[in-house]
PDB file of N, CA and C in Angstrom:
ATOM      1  N   MET A   1       0.879  -1.283   0.022  1.00  0.00           N
ATOM      2  CA  MET A   1      -0.016  -0.051   0.072  1.00  0.00           C
ATOM      3  C   MET A   1       0.971   1.324  -0.075  1.00  0.00           C
ATOM      4  N   LEU A   2       0.714   2.077  -0.793  1.00  0.00           N
ATOM      5  CA  LEU A   2       1.358   3.487  -1.039  1.00  0.00           C
ATOM      6  C   LEU A   2       0.341   4.689  -0.427  1.00  0.00           C
ATOM      7  N   ASN A   3       1.111   5.381   0.396  1.00  0.00           N
ATOM      8  CA  ASN A   3       0.341   6.684   1.104  1.00  0.00           C
ATOM      9  C   ASN A   3       1.266   7.912   0.874  1.00  0.00           C
ATOM     10  N   ILE A   4       0.778   8.925   0.336  1.00  0.00           N
ATOM     11  CA  ILE A   4       1.454  10.126   0.140  1.00  0.00           C
ATOM     12  C   ILE A   4       0.473  11.376   0.685  1.00  0.00           C
ATOM     13  N   ARG A   5       1.009  12.049   1.492  1.00  0.00           N
ATOM     14  CA  ARG A   5       0.358  13.261   1.844  1.00  0.00           C
ATOM     15  C   ARG A   5       1.072  14.355   1.605  1.00  0.00           C
ATOM     16  N   MET A   6       0.491  15.518   0.581  1.00  0.00           N
ATOM     17  CA  MET A   6       1.109  16.469   0.148  1.00  0.00           C
ATOM     18  C   MET A   6       1.295  17.540   1.515  1.00  0.00           C
ATOM     19  N   VAL A   7       2.632  18.013   1.322  1.00  0.00           N
ATOM     20  CA  VAL A   7       2.981  19.105   2.314  1.00  0.00           C
ATOM     21  C   VAL A   7       2.568  20.579   1.814  1.00  0.00           C
ATOM     22  N   THR A   8       1.922  21.416   2.627  1.00  0.00           N
ATOM     23  CA  THR A   8       1.718  22.770   2.062  1.00  0.00           C
ATOM     24  C   THR A   8       1.857  23.626   3.349  1.00  0.00           C
ATOM     25  N   SER A   9       2.249  24.704   3.034  1.00  0.00           N
ATOM     26  CA  SER A   9       2.291  25.905   4.005  1.00  0.00           C
ATOM     27  C   SER A   9       1.114  26.712   4.147  1.00  0.00           C
ATOM     28  N   SER A  10       0.177  26.420   3.415  1.00  0.00           N
ATOM     29  CA  SER A  10      -1.191  27.174   3.218  1.00  0.00           C
ATOM     30  C   SER A  10      -2.096  26.775   4.244  1.00  0.00           C
ATOM     31  N   GLY A  11      -1.820  25.173   4.753  1.00  0.00           N
ATOM     32  CA  GLY A  11      -2.703  24.944   5.713  1.00  0.00           C
ATOM     33  C   GLY A  11      -4.093  24.340   4.991  1.00  0.00           C
ATOM     34  N   GLU A  12      -4.300  24.439   3.746  1.00  0.00           N
ATOM     35  CA  GLU A  12      -5.481  24.122   2.964  1.00  0.00           C
ATOM     36  C   GLU A  12      -5.438  22.640   2.570  1.00  0.00           C
ATOM     37  N   PRO A  13      -6.411  21.927   2.272  1.00  0.00           N
ATOM     38  CA  PRO A  13      -6.448  20.468   2.289  1.00  0.00           C
ATOM     39  C   PRO A  13      -5.867  20.277   0.739  1.00  0.00           C
ATOM     40  N   ARG A  14      -5.241  19.214   0.740  1.00  0.00           N
ATOM     41  CA  ARG A  14      -4.418  18.792  -0.554  1.00  0.00           C
ATOM     42  C   ARG A  14      -4.862  17.410  -0.932  1.00  0.00           C
ATOM     43  N   LEU A  15      -4.407  17.036  -2.171  1.00  0.00           N
ATOM     44  CA  LEU A  15      -4.313  15.723  -2.610  1.00  0.00           C
ATOM     45  C   LEU A  15      -3.525  14.774  -1.974  1.00  0.00           C
ATOM     46  N   ARG A  16      -4.280  13.617  -1.733  1.00  0.00           N
ATOM     47  CA  ARG A  16      -3.440  12.582  -0.719  1.00  0.00           C
ATOM     48  C   ARG A  16      -3.608  11.202  -1.403  1.00  0.00           C
ATOM     49  N   LEU A  17      -2.955  10.221  -1.123  1.00  0.00           N
ATOM     50  CA  LEU A  17      -2.965   8.937  -1.543  1.00  0.00           C
ATOM     51  C   LEU A  17      -2.926   8.071  -0.162  1.00  0.00           C
ATOM     52  N   ASP A  18      -4.034   7.439   0.103  1.00  0.00           N
ATOM     53  CA  ASP A  18      -4.428   6.715   1.261  1.00  0.00           C
ATOM     54  C   ASP A  18      -4.585   5.226   0.945  1.00  0.00           C
ATOM     55  N   ASN A  19      -3.601   4.483   1.301  1.00  0.00           N
ATOM     56  CA  ASN A  19      -3.731   2.768   0.932  1.00  0.00           C
ATOM     57  C   ASN A  19      -4.055   2.870  -0.692  1.00  0.00           C
ATOM     58  N   ASN A  20      -3.292   3.222  -1.384  1.00  0.00           N
ATOM     59  CA  ASN A  20      -3.492   3.153  -3.058  1.00  0.00           C
ATOM     60  C   ASN A  20      -4.710   4.078  -3.499  1.00  0.00           C
ATOM     61  N   ASP A  21      -5.574   4.723  -2.635  1.00  0.00           N
ATOM     62  CA  ASP A  21      -6.641   5.415  -3.338  1.00  0.00           C
ATOM     63  C   ASP A  21      -6.400   6.860  -2.985  1.00  0.00           C
ATOM     64  N   TRP A  22      -6.682   7.567  -4.295  1.00  0.00           N
ATOM     65  CA  TRP A  22      -6.627   8.997  -4.470  1.00  0.00           C
ATOM     66  C   TRP A  22      -7.870   9.722  -3.744  1.00  0.00           C
ATOM     67  N   ILE A  23      -7.343  10.726  -2.965  1.00  0.00           N
ATOM     68  CA  ILE A  23      -8.396  11.465  -2.573  1.00  0.00           C
ATOM     69  C   ILE A  23      -7.940  12.905  -2.791  1.00  0.00           C
ATOM     70  N   VAL A  24      -8.890  13.659  -3.660  1.00  0.00           N
ATOM     71  CA  VAL A  24      -8.685  15.064  -4.191  1.00  0.00           C
ATOM     72  C   VAL A  24      -9.505  15.973  -3.213  1.00  0.00           C
ATOM     73  N   HIS A  25      -8.430  16.652  -2.569  1.00  0.00           N
ATOM     74  CA  HIS A  25      -9.260  17.889  -1.460  1.00  0.00           C
ATOM     75  C   HIS A  25      -8.658  19.205  -1.966  1.00  0.00           C
ATOM     76  N   GLY A  26      -9.320  20.152  -1.512  1.00  0.00           N
ATOM     77  CA  GLY A  26      -8.959  21.561  -1.879  1.00  0.00           C
ATOM     78  C   GLY A  26      -9.499  21.860  -3.364  1.00  0.00           C
ATOM     79  N   GLN A  27      -8.698  22.829  -3.835  1.00  0.00           N
ATOM     80  CA  GLN A  27      -9.528  23.395  -5.357  1.00  0.00           C
ATOM     81  C   GLN A  27      -7.998  23.433  -6.080  1.00  0.00           C
ATOM     82  N   PRO A  28      -7.707  22.176  -6.645  1.00  0.00           N
ATOM     83  CA  PRO A  28      -6.645  22.393  -7.713  1.00  0.00           C
ATOM     84  C   PRO A  28      -6.838  23.322  -8.852  1.00  0.00           C
ATOM     85  N   SER A  29      -6.014  24.334  -9.225  1.00  0.00           N
ATOM     86  CA  SER A  29      -6.176  25.109 -10.269  1.00  0.00           C
ATOM     87  C   SER A  29      -5.909  24.212 -11.860  1.00  0.00           C
ATOM     88  N   ASP A  30      -5.114  23.212 -11.635  1.00  0.00           N
ATOM     89  CA  ASP A  30      -5.038  22.140 -12.819  1.00  0.00           C
ATOM     90  C   ASP A  30      -4.933  20.772 -12.211  1.00  0.00           C
ATOM     91  N   PHE A  31      -5.472  19.833 -13.022  1.00  0.00           N
ATOM     92  CA  PHE A  31      -5.540  18.364 -12.334  1.00  0.00           C
ATOM     93  C   PHE A  31      -5.617  17.595 -13.678  1.00  0.00           C
ATOM     94  N   GLU A  32      -4.583  16.602 -13.536  1.00  0.00           N
ATOM     95  CA  GLU A  32      -4.476  15.590 -14.611  1.00  0.00           C
ATOM     96  C   GLU A  32      -4.585  14.336 -14.062  1.00  0.00           C
ATOM     97  N   SER A  33      -5.303  13.330 -14.704  1.00  0.00           N
ATOM     98  CA  SER A  33      -5.464  11.984 -14.239  1.00  0.00           C
ATOM     99  C   SER A  33      -5.737  11.261 -15.483  1.00  0.00           C
ATOM    100  N   PRO A  34      -4.857  10.771 -16.446  1.00  0.00           N
ATOM    101  CA  PRO A  34      -5.185   9.983 -17.459  1.00  0.00           C
ATOM    102  C   PRO A  34      -5.923   8.778 -17.224  1.00  0.00           C
ATOM    103  N   PRO A  35      -6.593   8.140 -18.058  1.00  0.00           N
ATOM    104  CA  PRO A  35      -7.310   7.067 -17.987  1.00  0.00           C
ATOM    105  C   PRO A  35      -6.482   5.728 -17.629  1.00  0.00           C
ATOM    106  N   SER A  36      -5.084   5.938 -17.878  1.00  0.00           N
ATOM    107  CA  SER A  36      -4.361   4.634 -17.629  1.00  0.00           C
ATOM    108  C   SER A  36      -4.262   4.351 -15.989  1.00  0.00           C
ATOM    109  N   GLY A  37      -4.210   5.389 -15.197  1.00  0.00           N
ATOM    110  CA  GLY A  37      -4.210   5.478 -13.773  1.00  0.00           C
ATOM    111  C   GLY A  37      -2.622   5.350 -13.478  1.00  0.00           C
ATOM    112  N   ARG A  38      -1.671   5.559 -14.420  1.00  0.00           N
ATOM    113  CA  ARG A  38      -0.299   5.517 -14.166  1.00  0.00           C
ATOM    114  C   ARG A  38       0.214   6.874 -13.641  1.00  0.00           C
ATOM    115  N   ARG A  39      -0.408   7.927 -13.934  1.00  0.00           N
ATOM    116  CA  ARG A  39      -0.106   9.334 -13.427  1.00  0.00           C
ATOM    117  C   ARG A  39      -1.073  10.318 -12.833  1.00  0.00           C
ATOM    118  N   ILE A  40      -0.742  11.136 -11.975  1.00  0.00           N
ATOM    119  CA  ILE A  40      -1.720  11.905 -11.353  1.00  0.00           C
ATOM    120  C   ILE A  40      -0.896  13.293 -11.077  1.00  0.00           C
ATOM    121  N   ARG A  41      -1.599  14.295 -11.320  1.00  0.00           N
ATOM    122  CA  ARG A  41      -0.702  15.496 -11.012  1.00  0.00           C
ATOM    123  C   ARG A  41      -1.801  16.608 -10.891  1.00  0.00           C
ATOM    124  N   ALA A  42      -1.636  17.482  -9.613  1.00  0.00           N
ATOM    125  CA  ALA A  42      -2.338  18.480  -9.087  1.00  0.00           C
ATOM    126  C   ALA A  42      -1.614  19.742  -8.863  1.00  0.00           C
ATOM    127  N   THR A  43      -1.914  20.877  -9.338  1.00  0.00           N
ATOM    128  CA  THR A  43      -1.125  22.239  -9.011  1.00  0.00           C
ATOM    129  C   THR A  43      -2.287  23.142  -8.389  1.00  0.00           C
ATOM    130  N   TYR A  44      -1.823  23.909  -7.346  1.00  0.00           N
ATOM    131  CA  TYR A  44      -2.864  24.687  -6.663  1.00  0.00           C
ATOM    132  C   TYR A  44      -2.356  26.056  -6.829  1.00  0.00           C
ATOM    133  N   SER A  45      -3.319  27.152  -6.479  1.00  0.00           N
ATOM    134  CA  SER A  45      -3.041  28.506  -7.117  1.00  0.00           C
ATOM    135  C   SER A  45      -1.936  29.298  -6.191  1.00  0.00           C
ATOM    136  N   ASN A  46      -1.421  28.651  -5.152  1.00  0.00           N
ATOM    137  CA  ASN A  46      -0.403  29.096  -4.424  1.00  0.00           C
ATOM    138  C   ASN A  46       1.005  28.570  -4.831  1.00  0.00           C
ATOM    139  N   GLY A  47       1.072  27.804  -6.019  1.00  0.00           N
ATOM    140  CA  GLY A  47       2.186  27.232  -6.517  1.00  0.00           C
ATOM    141  C   GLY A  47       2.510  25.927  -5.878  1.00  0.00           C
ATOM    142  N   ASP A  48       1.821  25.357  -5.065  1.00  0.00           N
ATOM    143  CA  ASP A  48       1.805  23.839  -4.591  1.00  0.00           C
ATOM    144  C   ASP A  48       1.720  23.030  -5.880  1.00  0.00           C
ATOM    145  N   GLU A  49       2.494  21.813  -5.897  1.00  0.00           N
ATOM    146  CA  GLU A  49       2.332  20.902  -7.010  1.00  0.00           C
ATOM    147  C   GLU A  49       2.669  19.599  -6.326  1.00  0.00           C
ATOM    148  N   ILE A  50       1.994  18.563  -6.887  1.00  0.00           N
ATOM    149  CA  ILE A  50       2.313  17.083  -6.765  1.00  0.00           C
ATOM    150  C   ILE A  50       1.978  16.408  -8.020  1.00  0.00           C
ATOM    151  N   ALA A  51       2.915  15.400  -8.193  1.00  0.00           N
ATOM    152  CA  ALA A  51       2.858  14.630  -9.227  1.00  0.00           C
ATOM    153  C   ALA A  51       3.310  13.254  -8.991  1.00  0.00           C
ATOM    154  N   VAL A  52       2.662  12.091  -9.262  1.00  0.00           N
ATOM    155  CA  VAL A  52       3.094  10.612  -9.097  1.00  0.00           C
ATOM    156  C   VAL A  52       2.778   9.970 -10.405  1.00  0.00           C
ATOM    157  N   GLU A  53       4.015   9.449 -10.863  1.00  0.00           N
ATOM    158  CA  GLU A  53       3.958   8.600 -12.287  1.00  0.00           C
ATOM    159  C   GLU A  53       4.582   7.339 -11.553  1.00  0.00           C
ATOM    160  N   PHE A  54       3.907   6.111 -12.213  1.00  0.00           N
ATOM    161  CA  PHE A  54       4.238   4.777 -12.160  1.00  0.00           C
ATOM    162  C   PHE A  54       4.948   4.497 -13.399  1.00  0.00           C
ATOM    163  N   LEU A  55       6.185   3.850 -13.451  1.00  0.00           N
ATOM    164  CA  LEU A  55       6.818   3.198 -14.865  1.00  0.00           C
ATOM    165  C   LEU A  55       7.198   2.040 -14.797  1.00  0.00           C
ATOM    166  N   ASP A  56       7.136   1.307 -15.779  1.00  0.00           N
ATOM    167  CA  ASP A  56       7.455   0.098 -15.953  1.00  0.00           C
ATOM    168  C   ASP A  56       8.876   0.142 -16.511  1.00  0.00           C
ATOM    169  N   LEU A  57       9.844  -0.705 -15.907  1.00  0.00           N
ATOM    170  CA  LEU A  57      11.461  -0.780 -15.965  1.00  0.00           C
ATOM    171  C   LEU A  57      11.608  -2.314 -16.484  1.00  0.00           C
ATOM    172  N   PRO A  58      11.630  -2.727 -17.498  1.00  0.00           N
ATOM    173  CA  PRO A  58      11.730  -3.989 -17.877  1.00  0.00           C
ATOM    174  C   PRO A  58      13.081  -4.681 -17.645  1.00  0.00           C
ATOM    175  N   THR A  59      14.308  -3.794 -17.615  1.00  0.00           N
ATOM    176  CA  THR A  59      15.489  -4.491 -17.720  1.00  0.00           C
ATOM    177  C   THR A  59      16.258  -3.287 -16.894  1.00  0.00           C
ATOM    178  N   ALA A  60      17.272  -4.122 -16.535  1.00  0.00           N
ATOM    179  CA  ALA A  60      18.565  -3.115 -15.752  1.00  0.00           C
ATOM    180  C   ALA A  60      18.850  -1.902 -16.697  1.00  0.00           C
ATOM    181  N   ASP A  61      19.185  -2.393 -17.886  1.00  0.00           N
ATOM    182  CA  ASP A  61      19.441  -1.193 -19.028  1.00  0.00           C
ATOM    183  C   ASP A  61      18.330  -0.166 -19.101  1.00  0.00           C
ATOM    184  N   ALA A  62      17.099  -0.415 -18.964  1.00  0.00           N
ATOM    185  CA  ALA A  62      16.102   0.592 -19.088  1.00  0.00           C
ATOM    186  C   ALA A  62      16.206   1.439 -17.486  1.00  0.00           C
ATOM    187  N   GLY A  63      16.546   0.653 -16.537  1.00  0.00           N
ATOM    188  CA  GLY A  63      16.568   1.351 -15.200  1.00  0.00           C
ATOM    189  C   GLY A  63      17.825   2.413 -15.315  1.00  0.00           C
ATOM    190  N   ALA A  64      18.837   1.966 -15.822  1.00  0.00           N
ATOM    191  CA  ALA A  64      20.209   2.761 -15.973  1.00  0.00           C
ATOM    192  C   ALA A  64      19.847   3.998 -16.990  1.00  0.00           C
ATOM    193  N   ALA A  65      19.288   3.887 -18.087  1.00  0.00           N
ATOM    194  CA  ALA A  65      18.708   4.882 -19.055  1.00  0.00           C
ATOM    195  C   ALA A  65      17.689   5.816 -18.423  1.00  0.00           C
ATOM    196  N   ARG A  66      17.053   5.604 -17.621  1.00  0.00           N
ATOM    197  CA  ARG A  66      16.123   6.455 -16.832  1.00  0.00           C
ATOM    198  C   ARG A  66      16.670   7.161 -15.820  1.00  0.00           C
ATOM    199  N   TYR A  67      17.798   6.346 -15.079  1.00  0.00           N
ATOM    200  CA  TYR A  67      18.335   7.152 -13.998  1.00  0.00           C
ATOM    201  C   TYR A  67      19.804   7.165 -14.061  1.00  0.00           C
ATOM    202  N   PRO A  68      20.341   7.732 -15.108  1.00  0.00           N
ATOM    203  CA  PRO A  68      21.762   7.725 -15.033  1.00  0.00           C
ATOM    204  C   PRO A  68      22.507   8.139 -14.059  1.00  0.00           C
ATOM    205  N   ASN A  69      22.348   8.885 -12.963  1.00  0.00           N
ATOM    206  CA  ASN A  69      23.116   9.143 -12.097  1.00  0.00           C
ATOM    207  C   ASN A  69      22.891   8.057 -10.774  1.00  0.00           C
ATOM    208  N   ALA A  70      22.195   7.095 -10.902  1.00  0.00           N
ATOM    209  CA  ALA A  70      22.329   6.085  -9.970  1.00  0.00           C
ATOM    210  C   ALA A  70      23.612   5.296  -9.961  1.00  0.00           C
ATOM    211  N   ARG A  71      24.002   4.544  -8.701  1.00  0.00           N
ATOM    212  CA  ARG A  71      25.301   3.844  -8.882  1.00  0.00           C
ATOM    213  C   ARG A  71      24.842   2.577  -9.899  1.00  0.00           C
ATOM    214  N   SER A  72      26.038   2.432 -10.817  1.00  0.00           N
ATOM    215  CA  SER A  72      25.781   1.306 -11.795  1.00  0.00           C
ATOM    216  C   SER A  72      25.727  -0.011 -11.222  1.00  0.00           C
ATOM    217  N   ASP A  73      26.294  -0.477  -9.989  1.00  0.00           N
ATOM    218  CA  ASP A  73      26.146  -1.762  -9.599  1.00  0.00           C
ATOM    219  C   ASP A  73      24.764  -2.111  -8.791  1.00  0.00           C
ATOM    220  N   MET A  74      23.999  -0.777  -8.639  1.00  0.00           N
ATOM    221  CA  MET A  74      22.918  -1.142  -7.904  1.00  0.00           C
ATOM    222  C   MET A  74      21.681  -2.067  -8.888  1.00  0.00           C
ATOM    223  N   TRP A  75      21.954  -1.649 -10.188  1.00  0.00           N
ATOM    224  CA  TRP A  75      20.993  -2.490 -11.036  1.00  0.00           C
ATOM    225  C   TRP A  75      21.020  -3.838 -11.023  1.00  0.00           C
ATOM    226  N   SER A  76      22.358  -4.618 -10.727  1.00  0.00           N
ATOM    227  CA  SER A  76      22.466  -5.787 -10.694  1.00  0.00           C
ATOM    228  C   SER A  76      21.893  -6.732  -9.590  1.00  0.00           C
ATOM    229  N   ARG A  77      21.430  -5.591  -8.441  1.00  0.00           N
ATOM    230  CA  ARG A  77      20.970  -6.291  -7.228  1.00  0.00           C
ATOM    231  C   ARG A  77      19.412  -6.183  -7.210  1.00  0.00           C
ATOM    232  N   LEU A  78      18.792  -5.801  -8.289  1.00  0.00           N
ATOM    233  CA  LEU A  78      17.279  -5.713  -8.535  1.00  0.00           C
ATOM    234  C   LEU A  78      16.841  -6.815  -9.389  1.00  0.00           C
ATOM    235  N   ALA A  79      15.562  -7.380  -9.168  1.00  0.00           N
ATOM    236  CA  ALA A  79      14.926  -8.296  -9.938  1.00  0.00           C
ATOM    237  C   ALA A  79      13.889  -7.454 -10.924  1.00  0.00           C
ATOM    238  N   PHE A  80      14.317  -7.803 -11.974  1.00  0.00           N
ATOM    239  CA  PHE A  80      13.432  -7.084 -13.336  1.00  0.00           C
ATOM    240  C   PHE A  80      12.516  -8.100 -13.778  1.00  0.00           C
ATOM    241  N   PRO A  81      11.120  -7.630 -14.213  1.00  0.00           N
ATOM    242  CA  PRO A  81      10.793  -6.094 -14.275  1.00  0.00           C
ATOM    243  C   PRO A  81      10.486  -5.661 -12.975  1.00  0.00           C
ATOM    244  N   ILE A  82      10.621  -4.140 -12.889  1.00  0.00           N
ATOM    245  CA  ILE A  82      10.212  -3.435 -11.825  1.00  0.00           C
ATOM    246  C   ILE A  82       9.206  -2.425 -12.146  1.00  0.00           C
ATOM    247  N   THR A  83       8.486  -1.917 -11.265  1.00  0.00           N
ATOM    248  CA  THR A  83       7.575  -0.692 -11.433  1.00  0.00           C
ATOM    249  C   THR A  83       8.367   0.379 -10.549  1.00  0.00           C
ATOM    250  N   ALA A  84       8.706   1.474 -11.175  1.00  0.00           N
ATOM    251  CA  ALA A  84       9.147   2.706 -10.312  1.00  0.00           C
ATOM    252  C   ALA A  84       8.222   3.689 -10.089  1.00  0.00           C
ATOM    253  N   VAL A  85       8.297   4.210  -9.180  1.00  0.00           N
ATOM    254  CA  VAL A  85       7.481   5.208  -8.643  1.00  0.00           C
ATOM    255  C   VAL A  85       8.032   6.578  -8.607  1.00  0.00           C
ATOM    256  N   GLU A  86       7.768   7.450  -9.251  1.00  0.00           N
ATOM    257  CA  GLU A  86       8.303   9.095  -9.325  1.00  0.00           C
ATOM    258  C   GLU A  86       7.425   9.798  -8.533  1.00  0.00           C
ATOM    259  N   VAL A  87       7.837  10.565  -7.518  1.00  0.00           N
ATOM    260  CA  VAL A  87       7.017  11.543  -6.945  1.00  0.00           C
ATOM    261  C   VAL A  87       7.744  13.067  -6.969  1.00  0.00           C
ATOM    262  N   LEU A  88       6.908  13.944  -7.383  1.00  0.00           N
ATOM    263  CA  LEU A  88       7.409  15.329  -7.540  1.00  0.00           C
ATOM    264  C   LEU A  88       6.500  16.261  -6.513  1.00  0.00           C
ATOM    265  N   GLU A  89       7.043  16.824  -5.824  1.00  0.00           N
ATOM    266  CA  GLU A  89       6.410  17.831  -4.813  1.00  0.00           C
ATOM    267  C   GLU A  89       7.100  19.295  -4.988  1.00  0.00           C
ATOM    268  N   ARG A  90       6.435  20.439  -5.219  1.00  0.00           N
ATOM    269  CA  ARG A  90       6.883  21.833  -5.051  1.00  0.00           C
ATOM    270  C   ARG A  90       6.034  22.263  -4.126  1.00  0.00           C
ATOM    271  N   PHE A  91       6.611  23.004  -3.047  1.00  0.00           N
ATOM    272  CA  PHE A  91       5.699  23.701  -1.941  1.00  0.00           C
ATOM    273  C   PHE A  91       5.793  25.198  -2.382  1.00  0.00           C
ATOM    274  N   GLY A  92       4.685  25.797  -2.603  1.00  0.00           N
ATOM    275  CA  GLY A  92       4.273  27.075  -3.007  1.00  0.00           C
ATOM    276  C   GLY A  92       4.902  28.034  -2.301  1.00  0.00           C
ATOM    277  N   GLY A  93       5.319  29.261  -2.792  1.00  0.00           N
ATOM    278  CA  GLY A  93       5.949  30.277  -1.903  1.00  0.00           C
ATOM    279  C   GLY A  93       7.293  29.940  -1.346  1.00  0.00           C
ATOM    280  N   SER A  94       8.065  29.034  -1.700  1.00  0.00           N
ATOM    281  CA  SER A  94       9.277  28.450  -0.814  1.00  0.00           C
ATOM    282  C   SER A  94      10.276  28.123  -2.118  1.00  0.00           C
ATOM    283  N   ASP A  95      11.208  27.787  -1.438  1.00  0.00           N
ATOM    284  CA  ASP A  95      12.558  27.082  -2.147  1.00  0.00           C
ATOM    285  C   ASP A  95      12.644  25.902  -1.802  1.00  0.00           C
ATOM    286  N   PHE A  96      11.801  25.143  -1.486  1.00  0.00           N
ATOM    287  CA  PHE A  96      11.585  23.775  -1.027  1.00  0.00           C
ATOM    288  C   PHE A  96      10.771  22.912  -2.140  1.00  0.00           C
ATOM    289  N   GLY A  97      11.353  21.522  -2.254  1.00  0.00           N
ATOM    290  CA  GLY A  97      10.841  20.664  -3.313  1.00  0.00           C
ATOM    291  C   GLY A  97      11.723  19.545  -3.472  1.00  0.00           C
ATOM    292  N   PHE A  98      10.823  18.468  -4.206  1.00  0.00           N
ATOM    293  CA  PHE A  98      11.648  17.374  -4.777  1.00  0.00           C
ATOM    294  C   PHE A  98      11.107  16.886  -5.888  1.00  0.00           C
ATOM    295  N   GLY A  99      11.947  16.047  -6.559  1.00  0.00           N
ATOM    296  CA  GLY A  99      11.440  15.564  -7.662  1.00  0.00           C
ATOM    297  C   GLY A  99      12.224  14.160  -7.955  1.00  0.00           C
ATOM    298  N   PRO A 100      12.021  13.291  -9.090  1.00  0.00           N
ATOM    299  CA  PRO A 100      12.557  12.057  -9.191  1.00  0.00           C
ATOM    300  C   PRO A 100      14.089  12.093  -9.170  1.00  0.00           C
ATOM    301  N   THR A 101      14.546  13.132  -9.651  1.00  0.00           N
ATOM    302  CA  THR A 101      16.167  13.262  -9.832  1.00  0.00           C
ATOM    303  C   THR A 101      16.699  14.454  -8.849  1.00  0.00           C
ATOM    304  N   TRP A 102      15.977  14.959  -8.165  1.00  0.00           N
ATOM    305  CA  TRP A 102      16.485  16.105  -7.468  1.00  0.00           C
ATOM    306  C   TRP A 102      15.925  16.569  -6.201  1.00  0.00           C
ATOM    307  N   THR A 103      16.496  17.122  -5.440  1.00  0.00           N
ATOM    308  CA  THR A 103      15.827  17.623  -3.981  1.00  0.00           C
ATOM    309  C   THR A 103      16.398  18.985  -3.981  1.00  0.00           C
ATOM    310  N   ARG A 104      15.487  19.969  -3.490  1.00  0.00           N
ATOM    311  CA  ARG A 104      15.939  21.389  -3.183  1.00  0.00           C
ATOM    312  C   ARG A 104      15.484  21.790  -1.807  1.00  0.00           C
ATOM    313  N   LEU A 105      16.405  22.221  -1.124  1.00  0.00           N
ATOM    314  CA  LEU A 105      16.282  22.714   0.422  1.00  0.00           C
ATOM    315  C   LEU A 105      16.988  23.922   0.402  1.00  0.00           C
ATOM    316  N   GLY A 106      16.013  25.096   0.352  1.00  0.00           N
ATOM    317  CA  GLY A 106      16.415  26.385   0.328  1.00  0.00           C
ATOM    318  C   GLY A 106      17.363  26.647  -0.872  1.00  0.00           C
ATOM    319  N   GLY A 107      18.560  27.064  -0.516  1.00  0.00           N
ATOM    320  CA  GLY A 107      19.551  27.325  -1.537  1.00  0.00           C
ATOM    321  C   GLY A 107      20.367  26.000  -2.136  1.00  0.00           C
ATOM    322  N   ILE A 108      20.087  25.115  -1.327  1.00  0.00           N
ATOM    323  CA  ILE A 108      21.014  23.832  -1.843  1.00  0.00           C
ATOM    324  C   ILE A 108      19.938  22.829  -2.900  1.00  0.00           C
ATOM    325  N   ARG A 109      20.700  22.437  -3.775  1.00  0.00           N
ATOM    326  CA  ARG A 109      20.126  21.606  -4.505  1.00  0.00           C
ATOM    327  C   ARG A 109      20.916  20.379  -4.783  1.00  0.00           C
ATOM    328  N   MET A 110      20.435  19.122  -4.567  1.00  0.00           N
ATOM    329  CA  MET A 110      20.885  17.764  -4.613  1.00  0.00           C
ATOM    330  C   MET A 110      20.507  17.010  -5.689  1.00  0.00           C
ATOM    331  N   THR A 111      21.151  16.199  -6.662  1.00  0.00           N
ATOM    332  CA  THR A 111      20.726  15.658  -7.575  1.00  0.00           C
ATOM    333  C   THR A 111      21.374  14.080  -7.517  1.00  0.00           C
ATOM    334  N   GLY A 112      20.733  13.412  -8.207  1.00  0.00           N
ATOM    335  CA  GLY A 112      21.113  11.879  -8.432  1.00  0.00           C
ATOM    336  C   GLY A 112      20.926  10.942  -7.385  1.00  0.00           C
ATOM    337  N   GLY A 113      19.886  11.176  -6.461  1.00  0.00           N
ATOM    338  CA  GLY A 113      19.683  10.059  -5.413  1.00  0.00           C
ATOM    339  C   GLY A 113      18.650   9.140  -6.034  1.00  0.00           C
ATOM    340  N   PHE A 114      18.722   7.942  -5.496  1.00  0.00           N
ATOM    341  CA  PHE A 114      17.803   6.912  -5.834  1.00  0.00           C
ATOM    342  C   PHE A 114      17.654   5.971  -4.459  1.00  0.00           C
ATOM    343  N   ILE A 115      16.504   5.510  -4.273  1.00  0.00           N
ATOM    344  CA  ILE A 115      16.249   4.674  -3.202  1.00  0.00           C
ATOM    345  C   ILE A 115      15.647   3.394  -4.024  1.00  0.00           C
ATOM    346  N   SER A 116      16.079   2.152  -3.266  1.00  0.00           N
ATOM    347  CA  SER A 116      15.393   0.846  -3.755  1.00  0.00           C
ATOM    348  C   SER A 116      15.072   0.268  -2.731  1.00  0.00           C
ATOM    349  N   ARG A 117      13.906  -0.743  -2.821  1.00  0.00           N
ATOM    350  CA  ARG A 117      13.767  -1.570  -1.706  1.00  0.00           C
ATOM    351  C   ARG A 117      13.023  -0.975  -0.416  1.00  0.00           C
ATOM    352  N   CYS A 118      12.425  -0.008  -0.791  1.00  0.00           N
ATOM    353  CA  CYS A 118      11.620   0.719   0.307  1.00  0.00           C
ATOM    354  C   CYS A 118      10.901  -0.124   1.324  1.00  0.00           C
ATOM    355  N   GLY A 119      11.102   0.345   2.559  1.00  0.00           N
ATOM    356  CA  GLY A 119      10.435  -0.740   3.483  1.00  0.00           C
ATOM    357  C   GLY A 119      10.827  -2.104   3.580  1.00  0.00           C
ATOM    358  N   VAL A 120      12.056  -2.366   2.821  1.00  0.00           N
ATOM    359  CA  VAL A 120      12.733  -3.785   3.177  1.00  0.00           C
ATOM    360  C   VAL A 120      14.193  -3.456   3.206  1.00  0.00           C
ATOM    361  N   GLY A 121      14.616  -2.719   4.055  1.00  0.00           N
ATOM    362  CA  GLY A 121      15.951  -2.383   4.239  1.00  0.00           C
ATOM    363  C   GLY A 121      16.411  -1.415   3.113  1.00  0.00           C
ATOM    364  N   PRO A 122      16.198  -0.042   3.328  1.00  0.00           N
ATOM    365  CA  PRO A 122      16.405   0.717   2.015  1.00  0.00           C
ATOM    366  C   PRO A 122      18.017   0.722   1.542  1.00  0.00           C
ATOM    367  N   SER A 123      18.037   0.805   0.251  1.00  0.00           N
ATOM    368  CA  SER A 123      19.488   0.998  -0.394  1.00  0.00           C
ATOM    369  C   SER A 123      19.642   2.447  -1.099  1.00  0.00           C
ATOM    370  N   TRP A 124      20.564   3.055  -0.389  1.00  0.00           N
ATOM    371  CA  TRP A 124      20.789   4.521  -1.053  1.00  0.00           C
ATOM    372  C   TRP A 124      22.192   4.577  -2.097  1.00  0.00           C
ATOM    373  N   SER A 125      21.903   5.364  -3.372  1.00  0.00           N
ATOM    374  CA  SER A 125      23.152   5.276  -3.836  1.00  0.00           C
ATOM    375  C   SER A 125      22.720   6.606  -4.662  1.00  0.00           C
TER     376      SER A 125
END
């Protein structure tokens, strides 16, 4: 089961994922949810944004192509095919947020992080 609660400084209700069920709260200024169910995106008038996408990676080569900054030896430790989940959040009115290949904490921007085996002894690279 996947759970995501959108962070916001506004205190207003936001999109969330509870045990794999999407719950749309608040008043998104833009909302995308294609019929495939593999992506959802909501933006709000104060600049808050959340996007979640599920991607099929059939081989280690596909993983390495999608995430070129991840440690190359990591791919041999994973059993393919896998489904990757990419999460993006931007916090309106701030310099904080994160995406599939970057994290911004104020004036600091970090790139290239990758987490595998979440909940089963995470492996960072």
